[in-house]
Amino acid sequence: MKSFVLLIGFPGVGKLTIAKELSPLLAAKVIDNHWFNNPILRLLDDGTTPLPSGIWEYTGSVRQAVLDAIVDHAPPTANFIFTHAGLEEDERSTRTFQQIAGAARQCEALLVPVRLLCDEEELARRIITPARRERLKSIDAHASREKSRRAQVLNPQHRFTLNLDVTSKTPEASAAAIRDHILSVAAGDFGSLPCNDVVSPP
């Protein structure tokens, strides 16, 4: 069954790393959220000046163009893994999910959202790697802690959503858990789906 997997989580949680591990398990292409953002951000982001509020409309247009190309031209059996730093009660995050969900419907693909959850201190530790800044990703550990305390990872309220605590999981173990969940969903074996593995609140 053709599948669209959407990995949702805070910056630094390991979305792209897990996506790369999951890709060969599902024979899926990875489409990272920063592929949509960076062509626009590289024009304006100097690391100090706040970005204009309207900039995200342009990145949304880039995302929609990519999704339209998938709908119109991707092979019928192609699988895709998307990443998304979506937040609860955030209109832009919800619009991004709706864009991807709409493309999945048009492709008649199985949509499986995966919420990647992580302990606050572990998330702050992961976010400070220099390679992240080279890819225009946040490396602010303080901001990461504040986001963990004040916000929640987007919950799309989709029947096939998997909540996965990746605090102490390797990327390989996380990818394997996601693969097993997707295979259970695709087989219609809902009774054997693993219990959602959720981080306890602080």
N, C-alpha and C. Protein backbone atom coordinates (compact mmCIF):
# COMPACT_ATOMS: atom_id res chain seq x y z
N MET A 1 0.84 -1.19 0.00
CA MET A 1 0.00 0.00 0.00
C MET A 1 0.88 1.25 0.00
N LYS A 2 0.55 2.20 -0.85
CA LYS A 2 1.28 3.46 -0.90
C LYS A 2 1.10 4.19 0.42
N SER A 3 2.19 4.74 0.98
CA SER A 3 2.09 5.38 2.28
C SER A 3 2.78 6.73 2.30
N PHE A 4 2.18 7.65 3.08
CA PHE A 4 2.76 8.93 3.43
C PHE A 4 2.98 8.90 4.94
N VAL A 5 4.22 8.94 5.38
CA VAL A 5 4.54 8.96 6.80
C VAL A 5 4.94 10.38 7.16
N LEU A 6 4.33 10.93 8.21
CA LEU A 6 4.62 12.30 8.63
C LEU A 6 5.22 12.26 10.03
N LEU A 7 6.51 12.57 10.14
CA LEU A 7 7.20 12.61 11.42
C LEU A 7 7.09 14.03 11.99
N ILE A 8 6.43 14.14 13.14
CA ILE A 8 6.16 15.44 13.76
C ILE A 8 6.91 15.53 15.07
N GLY A 9 7.61 16.62 15.31
CA GLY A 9 8.31 16.76 16.58
C GLY A 9 9.03 18.09 16.68
N PHE A 10 9.44 18.42 17.92
CA PHE A 10 10.18 19.65 18.16
C PHE A 10 11.53 19.63 17.44
N PRO A 11 12.10 20.81 17.16
CA PRO A 11 13.45 20.85 16.60
C PRO A 11 14.44 20.10 17.48
N GLY A 12 15.29 19.30 16.84
CA GLY A 12 16.30 18.56 17.57
C GLY A 12 15.90 17.16 17.98
N VAL A 13 14.64 16.81 17.82
CA VAL A 13 14.19 15.50 18.29
C VAL A 13 14.74 14.35 17.45
N GLY A 14 15.15 14.66 16.23
CA GLY A 14 15.73 13.62 15.37
C GLY A 14 14.86 13.21 14.20
N LYS A 15 14.00 14.10 13.75
CA LYS A 15 13.07 13.76 12.67
C LYS A 15 13.80 13.30 11.41
N LEU A 16 14.76 14.09 10.97
CA LEU A 16 15.45 13.75 9.71
C LEU A 16 16.32 12.51 9.89
N THR A 17 16.98 12.38 11.04
CA THR A 17 17.82 11.20 11.29
C THR A 17 16.98 9.93 11.26
N ILE A 18 15.83 9.97 11.93
CA ILE A 18 14.94 8.81 11.95
C ILE A 18 14.37 8.55 10.56
N ALA A 19 14.03 9.63 9.85
CA ALA A 19 13.50 9.46 8.49
C ALA A 19 14.50 8.74 7.60
N LYS A 20 15.78 9.07 7.73
CA LYS A 20 16.80 8.42 6.90
C LYS A 20 16.95 6.94 7.26
N GLU A 21 16.76 6.61 8.54
CA GLU A 21 16.80 5.19 8.95
C GLU A 21 15.56 4.45 8.46
N LEU A 22 14.43 5.13 8.46
CA LEU A 22 13.16 4.52 8.06
C LEU A 22 13.06 4.33 6.55
N SER A 23 13.71 5.21 5.81
CA SER A 23 13.57 5.23 4.35
C SER A 23 13.82 3.87 3.69
N PRO A 24 14.94 3.19 3.97
CA PRO A 24 15.13 1.89 3.31
C PRO A 24 14.19 0.80 3.81
N LEU A 25 13.66 0.95 5.02
CA LEU A 25 12.74 -0.05 5.55
C LEU A 25 11.40 -0.03 4.81
N LEU A 26 11.05 1.14 4.27
CA LEU A 26 9.76 1.30 3.57
C LEU A 26 9.94 1.55 2.08
N ALA A 27 11.19 1.56 1.61
CA ALA A 27 11.46 1.96 0.22
C ALA A 27 10.80 3.31 -0.06
N ALA A 28 11.04 4.27 0.85
CA ALA A 28 10.38 5.58 0.79
C ALA A 28 11.39 6.70 0.56
N LYS A 29 10.95 7.75 -0.10
CA LYS A 29 11.76 8.95 -0.28
C LYS A 29 11.51 9.90 0.89
N VAL A 30 12.60 10.51 1.39
CA VAL A 30 12.50 11.46 2.49
C VAL A 30 12.34 12.87 1.94
N ILE A 31 11.37 13.60 2.48
CA ILE A 31 11.16 15.00 2.11
C ILE A 31 11.18 15.81 3.40
N ASP A 32 12.32 16.44 3.68
CA ASP A 32 12.50 17.18 4.92
C ASP A 32 11.86 18.55 4.84
N ASN A 33 11.28 18.99 5.95
CA ASN A 33 10.60 20.28 5.98
C ASN A 33 11.53 21.42 5.58
N HIS A 34 12.81 21.30 5.89
CA HIS A 34 13.73 22.39 5.56
C HIS A 34 13.99 22.50 4.06
N TRP A 35 13.66 21.48 3.32
CA TRP A 35 13.75 21.61 1.86
C TRP A 35 12.79 22.67 1.35
N PHE A 36 11.66 22.83 2.03
CA PHE A 36 10.70 23.86 1.65
C PHE A 36 11.13 25.23 2.18
N ASN A 37 11.67 25.22 3.40
CA ASN A 37 11.97 26.48 4.07
C ASN A 37 13.26 27.14 3.58
N ASN A 38 14.32 26.34 3.40
CA ASN A 38 15.64 26.92 3.20
C ASN A 38 15.82 27.73 1.93
N PRO A 39 15.18 27.38 0.80
CA PRO A 39 15.35 28.25 -0.36
C PRO A 39 14.91 29.69 -0.08
N ILE A 40 13.90 29.85 0.77
CA ILE A 40 13.43 31.19 1.13
C ILE A 40 14.27 31.76 2.27
N LEU A 41 14.54 30.95 3.30
CA LEU A 41 15.26 31.45 4.48
C LEU A 41 16.67 31.89 4.14
N ARG A 42 17.31 31.21 3.20
CA ARG A 42 18.69 31.57 2.85
C ARG A 42 18.77 32.97 2.24
N LEU A 43 17.67 33.47 1.74
CA LEU A 43 17.65 34.82 1.18
C LEU A 43 17.67 35.89 2.27
N LEU A 44 17.12 35.56 3.45
CA LEU A 44 16.87 36.58 4.46
C LEU A 44 17.48 36.31 5.82
N ASP A 45 17.78 35.05 6.15
CA ASP A 45 18.21 34.71 7.50
C ASP A 45 19.70 34.99 7.66
N ASP A 46 20.03 36.02 8.48
CA ASP A 46 21.44 36.32 8.77
C ASP A 46 21.84 35.88 10.17
N GLY A 47 20.94 35.17 10.86
CA GLY A 47 21.23 34.68 12.19
C GLY A 47 20.93 35.64 13.30
N THR A 48 20.61 36.90 12.97
CA THR A 48 20.35 37.90 14.01
C THR A 48 19.04 38.65 13.80
N THR A 49 18.74 39.01 12.56
CA THR A 49 17.54 39.81 12.28
C THR A 49 16.30 38.93 12.29
N PRO A 50 15.25 39.31 13.03
CA PRO A 50 14.01 38.51 13.02
C PRO A 50 13.45 38.41 11.61
N LEU A 51 12.93 37.24 11.29
CA LEU A 51 12.34 37.03 9.97
C LEU A 51 11.01 37.74 9.87
N PRO A 52 10.67 38.29 8.71
CA PRO A 52 9.35 38.91 8.54
C PRO A 52 8.24 37.89 8.70
N SER A 53 7.14 38.30 9.29
CA SER A 53 6.06 37.36 9.62
C SER A 53 5.46 36.70 8.39
N GLY A 54 5.46 37.39 7.27
CA GLY A 54 4.85 36.85 6.07
C GLY A 54 5.69 35.85 5.31
N ILE A 55 6.90 35.58 5.81
CA ILE A 55 7.82 34.71 5.07
C ILE A 55 7.29 33.30 4.93
N TRP A 56 6.49 32.85 5.90
CA TRP A 56 6.04 31.46 5.89
C TRP A 56 4.99 31.20 4.82
N GLU A 57 4.36 32.23 4.31
CA GLU A 57 3.44 32.03 3.18
C GLU A 57 4.20 31.55 1.95
N TYR A 58 5.42 32.04 1.79
CA TYR A 58 6.24 31.62 0.65
C TYR A 58 6.68 30.18 0.81
N THR A 59 7.11 29.79 2.02
CA THR A 59 7.53 28.40 2.21
C THR A 59 6.35 27.46 2.04
N GLY A 60 5.16 27.91 2.44
CA GLY A 60 3.96 27.09 2.22
C GLY A 60 3.68 26.88 0.75
N SER A 61 3.96 27.90 -0.06
CA SER A 61 3.76 27.78 -1.51
C SER A 61 4.75 26.79 -2.11
N VAL A 62 6.00 26.82 -1.61
CA VAL A 62 6.99 25.85 -2.09
C VAL A 62 6.53 24.43 -1.74
N ARG A 63 6.08 24.25 -0.51
CA ARG A 63 5.59 22.92 -0.07
C ARG A 63 4.45 22.45 -0.97
N GLN A 64 3.51 23.33 -1.25
CA GLN A 64 2.37 22.94 -2.06
C GLN A 64 2.79 22.56 -3.47
N ALA A 65 3.78 23.27 -4.02
CA ALA A 65 4.27 22.93 -5.36
C ALA A 65 4.89 21.53 -5.37
N VAL A 66 5.64 21.20 -4.32
CA VAL A 66 6.23 19.86 -4.24
C VAL A 66 5.14 18.80 -4.13
N LEU A 67 4.15 19.05 -3.29
CA LEU A 67 3.06 18.09 -3.12
C LEU A 67 2.26 17.93 -4.41
N ASP A 68 2.04 19.02 -5.11
CA ASP A 68 1.32 18.93 -6.39
C ASP A 68 2.09 18.07 -7.38
N ALA A 69 3.42 18.22 -7.38
CA ALA A 69 4.24 17.40 -8.29
C ALA A 69 4.15 15.93 -7.93
N ILE A 70 4.10 15.64 -6.62
CA ILE A 70 3.95 14.24 -6.18
C ILE A 70 2.61 13.69 -6.64
N VAL A 71 1.55 14.46 -6.44
CA VAL A 71 0.21 14.01 -6.84
C VAL A 71 0.15 13.76 -8.34
N ASP A 72 0.74 14.65 -9.12
CA ASP A 72 0.61 14.57 -10.58
C ASP A 72 1.57 13.57 -11.22
N HIS A 73 2.74 13.36 -10.61
CA HIS A 73 3.77 12.64 -11.36
C HIS A 73 4.45 11.49 -10.61
N ALA A 74 4.24 11.34 -9.30
CA ALA A 74 4.92 10.25 -8.58
C ALA A 74 4.36 8.90 -9.02
N PRO A 75 5.20 7.88 -9.09
CA PRO A 75 4.71 6.53 -9.44
C PRO A 75 3.63 6.07 -8.46
N PRO A 76 2.70 5.26 -8.89
CA PRO A 76 1.59 4.83 -8.04
C PRO A 76 2.02 4.12 -6.76
N THR A 77 3.20 3.51 -6.76
CA THR A 77 3.64 2.75 -5.59
C THR A 77 4.65 3.52 -4.73
N ALA A 78 4.89 4.79 -5.04
CA ALA A 78 5.92 5.54 -4.33
C ALA A 78 5.48 5.85 -2.89
N ASN A 79 6.40 5.68 -1.96
CA ASN A 79 6.17 6.02 -0.56
C ASN A 79 7.00 7.26 -0.21
N PHE A 80 6.49 8.05 0.74
CA PHE A 80 7.18 9.27 1.13
C PHE A 80 7.18 9.42 2.64
N ILE A 81 8.28 9.99 3.15
CA ILE A 81 8.39 10.33 4.57
C ILE A 81 8.61 11.84 4.65
N PHE A 82 7.71 12.52 5.33
CA PHE A 82 7.79 13.96 5.51
C PHE A 82 8.18 14.27 6.96
N THR A 83 8.85 15.41 7.17
CA THR A 83 9.13 15.88 8.52
C THR A 83 8.43 17.21 8.75
N HIS A 84 8.02 17.44 10.00
CA HIS A 84 7.24 18.64 10.30
C HIS A 84 7.41 19.00 11.78
N ALA A 85 7.85 20.22 12.06
CA ALA A 85 8.01 20.69 13.44
C ALA A 85 6.70 21.33 13.90
N GLY A 86 5.62 20.58 13.85
CA GLY A 86 4.30 21.12 14.13
C GLY A 86 4.00 21.27 15.61
N LEU A 87 3.25 22.35 15.94
CA LEU A 87 2.85 22.64 17.31
C LEU A 87 1.34 22.62 17.44
N GLU A 88 0.86 22.20 18.60
CA GLU A 88 -0.56 22.27 18.91
C GLU A 88 -1.01 23.73 18.97
N GLU A 89 -2.25 23.97 18.54
CA GLU A 89 -2.88 25.29 18.58
C GLU A 89 -2.08 26.32 17.78
N ASP A 90 -1.46 25.87 16.71
CA ASP A 90 -0.71 26.76 15.82
C ASP A 90 -1.29 26.62 14.42
N GLU A 91 -1.82 27.71 13.91
CA GLU A 91 -2.53 27.66 12.63
C GLU A 91 -1.63 27.22 11.49
N ARG A 92 -0.41 27.71 11.46
CA ARG A 92 0.50 27.34 10.37
C ARG A 92 0.83 25.85 10.41
N SER A 93 1.02 25.31 11.60
CA SER A 93 1.30 23.88 11.74
C SER A 93 0.13 23.05 11.24
N THR A 94 -1.08 23.49 11.57
CA THR A 94 -2.27 22.76 11.13
C THR A 94 -2.41 22.82 9.61
N ARG A 95 -2.10 23.97 9.02
CA ARG A 95 -2.18 24.10 7.56
C ARG A 95 -1.20 23.17 6.88
N THR A 96 0.00 23.05 7.44
CA THR A 96 1.00 22.15 6.87
C THR A 96 0.49 20.71 6.90
N PHE A 97 -0.06 20.30 8.03
CA PHE A 97 -0.61 18.94 8.11
C PHE A 97 -1.71 18.75 7.07
N GLN A 98 -2.58 19.74 6.93
CA GLN A 98 -3.68 19.62 5.99
C GLN A 98 -3.18 19.53 4.55
N GLN A 99 -2.10 20.25 4.23
CA GLN A 99 -1.52 20.15 2.89
C GLN A 99 -1.07 18.72 2.60
N ILE A 100 -0.34 18.14 3.55
CA ILE A 100 0.19 16.79 3.35
C ILE A 100 -0.94 15.76 3.35
N ALA A 101 -1.90 15.93 4.25
CA ALA A 101 -3.04 15.01 4.30
C ALA A 101 -3.84 15.09 3.00
N GLY A 102 -3.99 16.28 2.45
CA GLY A 102 -4.71 16.44 1.19
C GLY A 102 -4.02 15.73 0.04
N ALA A 103 -2.69 15.83 0.00
CA ALA A 103 -1.95 15.13 -1.05
C ALA A 103 -2.08 13.61 -0.89
N ALA A 104 -2.07 13.13 0.37
CA ALA A 104 -2.24 11.70 0.61
C ALA A 104 -3.59 11.22 0.10
N ARG A 105 -4.63 11.99 0.34
CA ARG A 105 -5.97 11.62 -0.14
C ARG A 105 -5.99 11.55 -1.66
N GLN A 106 -5.40 12.54 -2.31
CA GLN A 106 -5.39 12.57 -3.76
C GLN A 106 -4.62 11.39 -4.35
N CYS A 107 -3.59 10.97 -3.64
CA CYS A 107 -2.78 9.83 -4.10
C CYS A 107 -3.36 8.49 -3.64
N GLU A 108 -4.45 8.53 -2.87
CA GLU A 108 -5.03 7.33 -2.26
C GLU A 108 -3.97 6.57 -1.48
N ALA A 109 -3.19 7.32 -0.71
CA ALA A 109 -2.10 6.75 0.08
C ALA A 109 -2.51 6.65 1.54
N LEU A 110 -1.94 5.68 2.23
CA LEU A 110 -2.12 5.53 3.66
C LEU A 110 -1.33 6.64 4.36
N LEU A 111 -2.01 7.43 5.19
CA LEU A 111 -1.35 8.50 5.93
C LEU A 111 -1.12 8.04 7.37
N VAL A 112 0.14 8.09 7.82
CA VAL A 112 0.47 7.68 9.19
C VAL A 112 1.27 8.81 9.85
N PRO A 113 0.63 9.61 10.71
CA PRO A 113 1.37 10.62 11.47
C PRO A 113 2.08 9.96 12.65
N VAL A 114 3.31 10.40 12.92
CA VAL A 114 4.09 9.88 14.04
C VAL A 114 4.58 11.07 14.86
N ARG A 115 4.13 11.15 16.11
CA ARG A 115 4.57 12.21 17.02
C ARG A 115 5.81 11.71 17.74
N LEU A 116 6.95 12.36 17.49
CA LEU A 116 8.21 12.01 18.13
C LEU A 116 8.37 12.87 19.38
N LEU A 117 8.34 12.23 20.55
CA LEU A 117 8.36 12.94 21.82
C LEU A 117 9.66 12.67 22.54
N CYS A 118 10.13 13.67 23.31
CA CYS A 118 11.45 13.55 23.92
C CYS A 118 11.50 14.35 25.21
N ASP A 119 12.24 13.84 26.19
CA ASP A 119 12.48 14.53 27.45
C ASP A 119 13.14 15.90 27.19
N GLU A 120 12.76 16.87 28.01
CA GLU A 120 13.23 18.25 27.83
C GLU A 120 14.75 18.37 27.81
N GLU A 121 15.44 17.76 28.75
CA GLU A 121 16.89 17.90 28.83
C GLU A 121 17.59 17.17 27.68
N GLU A 122 17.09 16.03 27.31
CA GLU A 122 17.68 15.31 26.18
C GLU A 122 17.49 16.10 24.89
N LEU A 123 16.33 16.72 24.75
CA LEU A 123 16.07 17.53 23.56
C LEU A 123 17.02 18.71 23.50
N ALA A 124 17.26 19.37 24.65
CA ALA A 124 18.19 20.50 24.69
C ALA A 124 19.60 20.06 24.35
N ARG A 125 19.98 18.85 24.77
CA ARG A 125 21.31 18.34 24.46
C ARG A 125 21.47 18.09 22.96
N ARG A 126 20.42 17.57 22.35
CA ARG A 126 20.50 17.22 20.93
C ARG A 126 20.54 18.44 20.02
N ILE A 127 19.95 19.53 20.47
CA ILE A 127 19.72 20.65 19.55
C ILE A 127 20.96 21.50 19.29
N ILE A 128 22.00 21.33 20.10
CA ILE A 128 23.13 22.26 20.01
C ILE A 128 24.22 21.82 19.04
N THR A 129 24.00 20.82 18.25
CA THR A 129 25.04 20.37 17.32
C THR A 129 25.28 21.41 16.23
N PRO A 130 26.56 21.75 15.94
CA PRO A 130 26.87 22.79 14.95
C PRO A 130 26.28 22.50 13.57
N ALA A 131 26.18 21.23 13.21
CA ALA A 131 25.66 20.89 11.88
C ALA A 131 24.25 21.41 11.67
N ARG A 132 23.50 21.55 12.78
CA ARG A 132 22.13 22.05 12.65
C ARG A 132 22.13 23.49 12.14
N ARG A 133 23.02 24.32 12.67
CA ARG A 133 23.05 25.72 12.24
C ARG A 133 23.43 25.83 10.77
N GLU A 134 24.31 24.94 10.30
CA GLU A 134 24.70 24.97 8.90
C GLU A 134 23.50 24.73 7.99
N ARG A 135 22.50 24.02 8.51
CA ARG A 135 21.29 23.74 7.73
C ARG A 135 20.15 24.70 8.10
N LEU A 136 20.52 25.84 8.73
CA LEU A 136 19.56 26.87 9.15
C LEU A 136 18.54 26.33 10.15
N LYS A 137 18.98 25.41 11.01
CA LYS A 137 18.12 24.88 12.06
C LYS A 137 18.48 25.51 13.40
N SER A 138 17.52 25.59 14.28
CA SER A 138 17.74 26.19 15.60
C SER A 138 18.75 25.38 16.40
N ILE A 139 19.64 26.11 17.13
CA ILE A 139 20.59 25.45 18.05
C ILE A 139 20.50 26.10 19.43
N ASP A 140 19.38 26.72 19.74
CA ASP A 140 19.19 27.44 21.00
C ASP A 140 18.62 26.48 22.05
N ALA A 141 19.46 26.03 22.99
CA ALA A 141 19.02 25.08 24.01
C ALA A 141 18.00 25.71 24.95
N HIS A 142 18.19 27.00 25.28
CA HIS A 142 17.24 27.67 26.17
C HIS A 142 15.85 27.73 25.52
N ALA A 143 15.81 28.11 24.25
CA ALA A 143 14.52 28.17 23.54
C ALA A 143 13.90 26.79 23.45
N SER A 144 14.74 25.77 23.31
CA SER A 144 14.22 24.41 23.25
C SER A 144 13.54 24.03 24.57
N ARG A 145 14.17 24.37 25.70
CA ARG A 145 13.55 24.07 26.99
C ARG A 145 12.23 24.81 27.17
N GLU A 146 12.22 26.08 26.77
CA GLU A 146 10.99 26.87 26.90
C GLU A 146 9.87 26.29 26.05
N LYS A 147 10.21 25.87 24.84
CA LYS A 147 9.18 25.29 23.97
C LYS A 147 8.65 24.00 24.57
N SER A 148 9.54 23.18 25.14
CA SER A 148 9.11 21.92 25.76
C SER A 148 8.14 22.17 26.90
N ARG A 149 8.33 23.28 27.63
CA ARG A 149 7.49 23.59 28.78
C ARG A 149 6.17 24.23 28.40
N ARG A 150 6.18 25.00 27.33
CA ARG A 150 5.01 25.82 27.02
C ARG A 150 4.17 25.30 25.85
N ALA A 151 4.73 24.43 25.04
CA ALA A 151 4.03 23.98 23.84
C ALA A 151 3.94 22.47 23.82
N GLN A 152 3.11 21.97 22.92
CA GLN A 152 2.98 20.54 22.71
C GLN A 152 3.15 20.23 21.23
N VAL A 153 3.67 19.06 20.97
CA VAL A 153 3.81 18.60 19.58
C VAL A 153 2.41 18.45 18.98
N LEU A 154 2.27 18.90 17.76
CA LEU A 154 0.99 18.82 17.06
C LEU A 154 0.40 17.42 17.14
N ASN A 155 -0.86 17.34 17.54
CA ASN A 155 -1.60 16.08 17.53
C ASN A 155 -2.70 16.20 16.49
N PRO A 156 -2.53 15.57 15.34
CA PRO A 156 -3.50 15.75 14.25
C PRO A 156 -4.82 15.02 14.46
N GLN A 157 -4.94 14.27 15.59
CA GLN A 157 -6.19 13.55 15.88
C GLN A 157 -6.55 12.60 14.74
N HIS A 158 -5.55 11.95 14.21
CA HIS A 158 -5.74 10.99 13.12
C HIS A 158 -5.76 9.58 13.71
N ARG A 159 -6.59 8.71 13.19
CA ARG A 159 -6.78 7.39 13.79
C ARG A 159 -5.53 6.53 13.79
N PHE A 160 -4.58 6.81 12.87
CA PHE A 160 -3.38 5.99 12.78
C PHE A 160 -2.15 6.66 13.40
N THR A 161 -2.37 7.71 14.18
CA THR A 161 -1.25 8.41 14.80
C THR A 161 -0.51 7.50 15.80
N LEU A 162 0.81 7.54 15.73
CA LEU A 162 1.66 6.85 16.71
C LEU A 162 2.39 7.89 17.54
N ASN A 163 2.29 7.78 18.87
CA ASN A 163 3.06 8.62 19.79
C ASN A 163 4.26 7.81 20.25
N LEU A 164 5.46 8.28 19.89
CA LEU A 164 6.66 7.50 20.16
C LEU A 164 7.66 8.31 20.99
N ASP A 165 7.98 7.81 22.18
CA ASP A 165 8.99 8.43 23.03
C ASP A 165 10.37 8.00 22.54
N VAL A 166 11.14 8.97 22.03
CA VAL A 166 12.45 8.65 21.46
C VAL A 166 13.59 9.09 22.38
N THR A 167 13.26 9.45 23.63
CA THR A 167 14.28 9.95 24.56
C THR A 167 15.46 9.01 24.66
N SER A 168 15.21 7.73 24.84
CA SER A 168 16.29 6.77 25.03
C SER A 168 16.38 5.75 23.89
N LYS A 169 15.67 6.00 22.81
CA LYS A 169 15.71 5.10 21.66
C LYS A 169 16.76 5.55 20.66
N THR A 170 17.44 4.59 20.06
CA THR A 170 18.32 4.92 18.95
C THR A 170 17.47 5.23 17.72
N PRO A 171 18.03 5.94 16.74
CA PRO A 171 17.28 6.15 15.50
C PRO A 171 16.86 4.84 14.84
N GLU A 172 17.72 3.82 14.93
CA GLU A 172 17.39 2.53 14.33
C GLU A 172 16.18 1.89 15.02
N ALA A 173 16.15 1.96 16.36
CA ALA A 173 15.03 1.39 17.10
C ALA A 173 13.75 2.17 16.84
N SER A 174 13.86 3.47 16.74
CA SER A 174 12.68 4.30 16.45
C SER A 174 12.12 3.97 15.07
N ALA A 175 13.02 3.84 14.09
CA ALA A 175 12.58 3.51 12.73
C ALA A 175 11.90 2.15 12.69
N ALA A 176 12.44 1.19 13.42
CA ALA A 176 11.85 -0.15 13.44
C ALA A 176 10.46 -0.13 14.06
N ALA A 177 10.29 0.66 15.14
CA ALA A 177 8.98 0.76 15.79
C ALA A 177 7.96 1.39 14.85
N ILE A 178 8.38 2.40 14.11
CA ILE A 178 7.48 3.06 13.16
C ILE A 178 7.11 2.11 12.03
N ARG A 179 8.10 1.39 11.52
CA ARG A 179 7.82 0.41 10.45
C ARG A 179 6.80 -0.63 10.92
N ASP A 180 6.98 -1.16 12.12
CA ASP A 180 6.06 -2.17 12.62
C ASP A 180 4.64 -1.62 12.76
N HIS A 181 4.54 -0.38 13.21
CA HIS A 181 3.23 0.27 13.33
C HIS A 181 2.57 0.41 11.96
N ILE A 182 3.34 0.85 10.98
CA ILE A 182 2.79 1.05 9.64
C ILE A 182 2.34 -0.28 9.04
N LEU A 183 3.13 -1.32 9.22
CA LEU A 183 2.76 -2.63 8.69
C LEU A 183 1.47 -3.15 9.33
N SER A 184 1.30 -2.91 10.63
CA SER A 184 0.07 -3.32 11.31
C SER A 184 -1.13 -2.55 10.78
N VAL A 185 -0.95 -1.25 10.58
CA VAL A 185 -2.04 -0.43 10.03
C VAL A 185 -2.39 -0.89 8.62
N ALA A 186 -1.36 -1.10 7.79
CA ALA A 186 -1.60 -1.49 6.40
C ALA A 186 -2.29 -2.84 6.31
N ALA A 187 -2.01 -3.72 7.28
CA ALA A 187 -2.62 -5.04 7.28
C ALA A 187 -4.02 -5.03 7.88
N GLY A 188 -4.43 -3.89 8.41
CA GLY A 188 -5.74 -3.79 9.05
C GLY A 188 -5.80 -4.49 10.39
N ASP A 189 -4.62 -4.77 10.97
CA ASP A 189 -4.55 -5.50 12.23
C ASP A 189 -4.51 -4.50 13.39
N PHE A 190 -5.60 -3.75 13.56
CA PHE A 190 -5.60 -2.67 14.53
C PHE A 190 -5.50 -3.18 15.97
N GLY A 191 -5.96 -4.39 16.21
CA GLY A 191 -5.92 -4.91 17.57
C GLY A 191 -4.52 -5.20 18.05
N SER A 192 -3.58 -5.37 17.12
CA SER A 192 -2.21 -5.69 17.52
C SER A 192 -1.29 -4.48 17.49
N LEU A 193 -1.84 -3.29 17.28
CA LEU A 193 -1.00 -2.10 17.25
C LEU A 193 -0.33 -1.91 18.60
N PRO A 194 0.94 -1.47 18.61
CA PRO A 194 1.62 -1.27 19.88
C PRO A 194 0.99 -0.13 20.67
N CYS A 195 1.08 -0.23 21.99
CA CYS A 195 0.61 0.87 22.83
C CYS A 195 1.45 2.11 22.54
N ASN A 196 0.80 3.26 22.49
CA ASN A 196 1.55 4.49 22.25
C ASN A 196 2.51 4.74 23.40
N ASP A 197 3.74 5.06 23.04
CA ASP A 197 4.83 5.19 23.98
C ASP A 197 5.06 6.67 24.24
N VAL A 198 4.44 7.23 25.27
CA VAL A 198 4.37 8.67 25.45
C VAL A 198 5.27 9.12 26.59
N VAL A 199 5.93 10.27 26.41
CA VAL A 199 6.72 10.87 27.46
C VAL A 199 5.80 11.34 28.59
N SER A 200 6.17 11.04 29.81
CA SER A 200 5.38 11.52 30.95
C SER A 200 5.57 13.02 31.09
N PRO A 201 4.51 13.75 31.45
CA PRO A 201 4.64 15.21 31.61
C PRO A 201 5.56 15.54 32.77
N PRO A 202 6.25 16.68 32.70
CA PRO A 202 7.18 17.06 33.78
C PRO A 202 6.41 17.37 35.06
